[in-house]
C-alpha atoms as a PDB file:
ATOM      1  CA  ASN A   1       0.000   0.000   0.000  1.00  0.00           C
ATOM      2  CA  ILE A   2       1.354   3.434  -0.931  1.00  0.00           C
ATOM      3  CA  LEU A   3       0.094   5.099   2.239  1.00  0.00           C
ATOM      4  CA  THR A   4       2.043   2.787   4.525  1.00  0.00           C
ATOM      5  CA  ASN A   5       5.244   2.637   2.431  1.00  0.00           C
ATOM      6  CA  ASN A   6       5.789   6.394   2.682  1.00  0.00           C
ATOM      7  CA  SER A   7       5.738   6.726   6.465  1.00  0.00           C
ATOM      8  CA  HIS A   8       8.114   9.729   6.350  1.00  0.00           C
ATOM      9  CA  LEU A   9       5.321  11.805   4.680  1.00  0.00           C
ATOM     10  CA  SER A  10       2.340  13.219   6.531  1.00  0.00           C
ATOM     11  CA  LEU A  11      -1.029  11.595   5.910  1.00  0.00           C
ATOM     12  CA  ALA A  12      -2.234  14.611   3.878  1.00  0.00           C
ATOM     13  CA  ALA A  13       0.893  14.474   1.698  1.00  0.00           C
ATOM     14  CA  GLN A  14       0.423  10.735   1.169  1.00  0.00           C
ATOM     15  CA  ILE A  15      -3.188  11.266   0.099  1.00  0.00           C
ATOM     16  CA  ARG A  16      -2.166  14.034  -2.359  1.00  0.00           C
ATOM     17  CA  GLN A  17       0.555  11.768  -3.745  1.00  0.00           C
ATOM     18  CA  ARG A  18      -1.916   8.886  -4.175  1.00  0.00           C
ATOM     19  CA  ARG A  19      -4.471  11.144  -5.918  1.00  0.00           C
ATOM     20  CA  HIS A  20      -1.787  12.437  -8.269  1.00  0.00           C
ATOM     21  CA  HIS A  21      -0.703   8.870  -9.025  1.00  0.00           C
ATOM     22  CA  LEU A  22      -4.274   7.767  -9.769  1.00  0.00           C
ATOM     23  CA  ALA A  23      -4.981  10.800 -11.939  1.00  0.00           C
ATOM     24  CA  SER A  24      -1.921  10.143 -14.061  1.00  0.00           C
ATOM     25  CA  THR A  25      -2.785   6.535 -14.891  1.00  0.00           C
ATOM     26  CA  ASP A  26      -4.342   5.522 -18.186  1.00  0.00           C
ATOM     27  CA  LEU A  27      -7.318   4.064 -16.360  1.00  0.00           C
ATOM     28  CA  ALA A  28      -8.234   7.459 -14.903  1.00  0.00           C
ATOM     29  CA  ARG A  29      -7.930   9.139 -18.318  1.00  0.00           C
ATOM     30  CA  SER A  30     -10.057   6.499 -20.044  1.00  0.00           C
ATOM     31  CA  GLN A  31     -12.872   6.874 -17.495  1.00  0.00           C
ATOM     32  CA  LYS A  32     -13.543  10.541 -18.303  1.00  0.00           C
ATOM     33  CA  ARG A  33     -17.007  11.229 -19.703  1.00  0.00           C
ATOM     34  CA  LEU A  34     -15.733  13.498 -22.472  1.00  0.00           C
ATOM     35  CA  VAL A  35     -16.265  12.027 -25.915  1.00  0.00           C
ATOM     36  CA  ARG A  36     -14.729  13.858 -28.861  1.00  0.00           C
ATOM     37  CA  HIS A  37     -15.393  13.497 -32.567  1.00  0.00           C
ATOM     38  CA  MET A  38     -18.828  12.004 -32.084  1.00  0.00           C
ATOM     39  CA  LEU A  39     -21.805  13.293 -34.044  1.00  0.00           C
ATOM     40  CA  ARG A  40     -25.110  13.271 -32.244  1.00  0.00           C
ATOM     41  CA  HIS A  41     -28.476  12.967 -33.960  1.00  0.00           C
ATOM     42  CA  VAL A  42     -31.378  13.863 -31.680  1.00  0.00           C
ATOM     43  CA  TYR A  43     -35.089  14.244 -32.244  1.00  0.00           C
ATOM     44  CA  LEU A  44     -37.004  16.310 -29.719  1.00  0.00           C
ATOM     45  CA  VAL A  45     -40.578  14.973 -29.406  1.00  0.00           C
ATOM     46  CA  LEU A  46     -42.900  17.583 -27.885  1.00  0.00           C
ATOM     47  CA  ASP A  47     -46.389  17.186 -26.448  1.00  0.00           C
ATOM     48  CA  CYS A  48     -48.941  19.561 -27.992  1.00  0.00           C
ATOM     49  CA  SER A  49     -51.975  17.647 -26.731  1.00  0.00           C
ATOM     50  CA  ARG A  50     -54.946  19.108 -24.934  1.00  0.00           C
ATOM     51  CA  TRP A  51     -53.229  18.474 -21.595  1.00  0.00           C
ATOM     52  CA  SER A  52     -50.367  20.763 -22.537  1.00  0.00           C
ATOM     53  CA  ARG A  53     -52.790  23.631 -23.117  1.00  0.00           C
ATOM     54  CA  GLU A  54     -53.859  23.731 -19.476  1.00  0.00           C
ATOM     55  CA  LYS A  55     -52.520  26.233 -17.003  1.00  0.00           C
ATOM     56  CA  ASP A  56     -50.418  24.697 -14.281  1.00  0.00           C
ATOM     57  CA  PRO A  57     -50.342  26.294 -10.809  1.00  0.00           C
ATOM     58  CA  ALA A  58     -46.616  25.522 -10.568  1.00  0.00           C
ATOM     59  CA  LEU A  59     -45.888  27.717 -13.608  1.00  0.00           C
ATOM     60  CA  PRO A  60     -45.815  31.512 -13.758  1.00  0.00           C
ATOM     61  CA  PRO A  61     -49.295  33.069 -14.006  1.00  0.00           C
ATOM     62  CA  ALA A  62     -50.981  33.161 -17.412  1.00  0.00           C
ATOM     63  CA  ARG A  63     -48.625  30.513 -18.870  1.00  0.00           C
ATOM     64  CA  THR A  64     -49.717  27.153 -20.156  1.00  0.00           C
ATOM     65  CA  ARG A  65     -47.643  23.996 -20.154  1.00  0.00           C
ATOM     66  CA  LEU A  66     -47.344  24.323 -23.938  1.00  0.00           C
ATOM     67  CA  GLU A  67     -45.888  27.839 -23.735  1.00  0.00           C
ATOM     68  CA  THR A  68     -43.411  26.696 -21.100  1.00  0.00           C
ATOM     69  CA  THR A  69     -42.464  23.547 -23.024  1.00  0.00           C
ATOM     70  CA  LEU A  70     -41.845  25.377 -26.303  1.00  0.00           C
ATOM     71  CA  GLY A  71     -39.835  28.067 -24.494  1.00  0.00           C
ATOM     72  CA  LEU A  72     -37.674  25.466 -22.774  1.00  0.00           C
ATOM     73  CA  ALA A  73     -37.274  23.600 -26.072  1.00  0.00           C
ATOM     74  CA  SER A  74     -35.887  26.781 -27.615  1.00  0.00           C
ATOM     75  CA  GLU A  75     -33.380  27.077 -24.761  1.00  0.00           C
ATOM     76  CA  PHE A  76     -32.492  23.394 -25.217  1.00  0.00           C
ATOM     77  CA  VAL A  77     -31.705  24.033 -28.891  1.00  0.00           C
ATOM     78  CA  SER A  78     -29.171  26.702 -27.910  1.00  0.00           C
ATOM     79  CA  GLU A  79     -27.568  24.495 -25.264  1.00  0.00           C
ATOM     80  CA  PHE A  80     -27.489  21.484 -27.576  1.00  0.00           C
ATOM     81  CA  TYR A  81     -25.583  23.327 -30.301  1.00  0.00           C
ATOM     82  CA  ASP A  82     -23.250  24.960 -27.781  1.00  0.00           C
ATOM     83  CA  GLN A  83     -22.261  21.524 -26.480  1.00  0.00           C
ATOM     84  CA  ASN A  84     -22.517  19.659 -29.822  1.00  0.00           C
ATOM     85  CA  PRO A  85     -21.554  22.048 -32.627  1.00  0.00           C
ATOM     86  CA  LEU A  86     -21.515  19.217 -35.171  1.00  0.00           C
ATOM     87  CA  GLY A  87     -24.716  17.594 -33.877  1.00  0.00           C
ATOM     88  CA  HIS A  88     -28.008  17.392 -35.737  1.00  0.00           C
ATOM     89  CA  LEU A  89     -31.366  18.083 -34.156  1.00  0.00           C
ATOM     90  CA  GLY A  90     -34.952  17.671 -35.327  1.00  0.00           C
ATOM     91  CA  VAL A  91     -38.271  18.572 -33.709  1.00  0.00           C
ATOM     92  CA  ILE A  92     -41.481  16.530 -33.776  1.00  0.00           C
ATOM     93  CA  LEU A  93     -44.836  17.746 -32.431  1.00  0.00           C
ATOM     94  CA  CYS A  94     -47.443  15.259 -31.210  1.00  0.00           C
ATOM     95  CA  GLN A  95     -51.159  16.046 -31.023  1.00  0.00           C
ATOM     96  CA  ASP A  96     -54.462  14.410 -31.907  1.00  0.00           C
ATOM     97  CA  GLY A  97     -52.750  11.010 -31.708  1.00  0.00           C
ATOM     98  CA  GLU A  98     -50.492  11.951 -34.624  1.00  0.00           C
ATOM     99  CA  ALA A  99     -46.897  13.093 -34.897  1.00  0.00           C
ATOM    100  CA  VAL A 100     -45.804  15.824 -37.293  1.00  0.00           C
ATOM    101  CA  MET A 101     -42.202  16.660 -38.077  1.00  0.00           C
ATOM    102  CA  LEU A 102     -41.738  20.354 -37.368  1.00  0.00           C
ATOM    103  CA  THR A 103     -38.093  20.402 -38.489  1.00  0.00           C
ATOM    104  CA  SER A 104     -36.016  17.611 -39.961  1.00  0.00           C
ATOM    105  CA  LEU A 105     -32.522  16.756 -38.747  1.00  0.00           C
ATOM    106  CA  GLY A 106     -30.273  19.731 -39.312  1.00  0.00           C
ATOM    107  CA  GLY A 107     -27.400  21.706 -37.936  1.00  0.00           C
ATOM    108  CA  SER A 108     -29.004  25.155 -37.800  1.00  0.00           C
ATOM    109  CA  PRO A 109     -30.185  26.323 -34.373  1.00  0.00           C
ATOM    110  CA  LYS A 110     -31.782  29.377 -35.984  1.00  0.00           C
ATOM    111  CA  LYS A 111     -34.059  27.185 -38.137  1.00  0.00           C
ATOM    112  CA  HIS A 112     -35.267  25.231 -35.098  1.00  0.00           C
ATOM    113  CA  LYS A 113     -35.836  28.327 -32.970  1.00  0.00           C
ATOM    114  CA  LEU A 114     -37.841  30.029 -35.726  1.00  0.00           C
ATOM    115  CA  ALA A 115     -39.946  26.887 -36.201  1.00  0.00           C
ATOM    116  CA  LEU A 116     -40.576  26.597 -32.446  1.00  0.00           C
ATOM    117  CA  GLY A 117     -41.605  30.260 -32.303  1.00  0.00           C
ATOM    118  CA  ALA A 118     -43.963  29.785 -35.248  1.00  0.00           C
ATOM    119  CA  ALA A 119     -45.400  26.634 -33.653  1.00  0.00           C
ATOM    120  CA  LEU A 120     -46.073  28.546 -30.445  1.00  0.00           C
ATOM    121  CA  VAL A 121     -47.982  31.264 -32.305  1.00  0.00           C
ATOM    122  CA  THR A 122     -49.897  28.691 -34.376  1.00  0.00           C
ATOM    123  CA  GLU A 123     -50.802  26.437 -31.468  1.00  0.00           C
ATOM    124  CA  LEU A 124     -51.869  29.263 -29.166  1.00  0.00           C
ATOM    125  CA  GLY A 125     -53.938  30.809 -31.957  1.00  0.00           C
ATOM    126  CA  LYS A 126     -56.067  27.683 -32.391  1.00  0.00           C
ATOM    127  CA  LYS A 127     -59.621  28.103 -31.167  1.00  0.00           C
ATOM    128  CA  GLY A 128     -61.861  25.250 -30.181  1.00  0.00           C
ATOM    129  CA  GLY A 129     -63.395  23.323 -27.380  1.00  0.00           C
ATOM    130  CA  PRO A 130     -61.711  21.586 -24.486  1.00  0.00           C
ATOM    131  CA  ASP A 131     -60.592  18.726 -26.747  1.00  0.00           C
ATOM    132  CA  ILE A 132     -58.384  20.837 -29.027  1.00  0.00           C
ATOM    133  CA  GLY A 133     -55.016  19.170 -29.322  1.00  0.00           C
ATOM    134  CA  GLY A 134     -56.365  15.692 -28.672  1.00  0.00           C
ATOM    135  CA  GLU A 135     -54.169  13.007 -27.181  1.00  0.00           C
ATOM    136  CA  PHE A 136     -50.391  12.630 -27.075  1.00  0.00           C
ATOM    137  CA  SER A 137     -48.806   9.619 -28.814  1.00  0.00           C
ATOM    138  CA  LEU A 138     -45.151   9.035 -28.001  1.00  0.00           C
ATOM    139  CA  GLN A 139     -45.141   5.870 -30.100  1.00  0.00           C
ATOM    140  CA  ASN A 140     -46.128   7.811 -33.227  1.00  0.00           C
ATOM    141  CA  GLY A 141     -43.450  10.415 -32.453  1.00  0.00           C
ATOM    142  CA  ILE A 142     -40.781   7.731 -32.181  1.00  0.00           C
ATOM    143  CA  GLU A 143     -41.969   6.079 -35.410  1.00  0.00           C
ATOM    144  CA  VAL A 144     -41.778   9.381 -37.311  1.00  0.00           C
ATOM    145  CA  ALA A 145     -38.262   9.938 -35.986  1.00  0.00           C
ATOM    146  CA  GLY A 146     -37.243   6.373 -36.871  1.00  0.00           C
ATOM    147  CA  ARG A 147     -38.537   6.651 -40.447  1.00  0.00           C
ATOM    148  CA  SER A 148     -36.504   9.766 -41.079  1.00  0.00           C
ATOM    149  CA  LEU A 149     -33.193   8.261 -39.965  1.00  0.00           C
END
C-alpha cells in the first residue's frame, strides 16, 4: 500500500501523492465522460396535446404547459448546439394522436428556434373546445423519428 510505504510523509501528503498517481494513470484518463469526434443525432418529441394547453399552478401566471415547453425547447436548442456544434437536431410535435415533423434533422439552431416560435404562435392561436389538441402519442413520435433516420 502506498500510504504505509511512505511513512516519512504526513497523511495529507500521502493522500495528495496517491491522488496524483491515480490521476496520471491511463485508467483514470479512459474513465472521463468526455467524448470527442462524435456526431449526435437527436429528435425532440414535444407534447402539444390538450393536456399541454392547461394552465399549471406551478408555472408563472398566465402561462400554459405548452408555452413553457416550447420556451424550454428553444433554450435546449441553444444548449445542444453549444455543447454539440456538429450535432443534428430535429423537432417533432405530437397532437391528436399523430406526430408531425416540425423540423427535420439539421445543424441550424436558428431554423429550429424560428420553427418553435412559429409553432407557439400557431398552437396558441387555435380556437376550439376543451378537446383541441387531442391526445399525445409518443409511439407515433418515435416512429416518425425512426422513419426519417
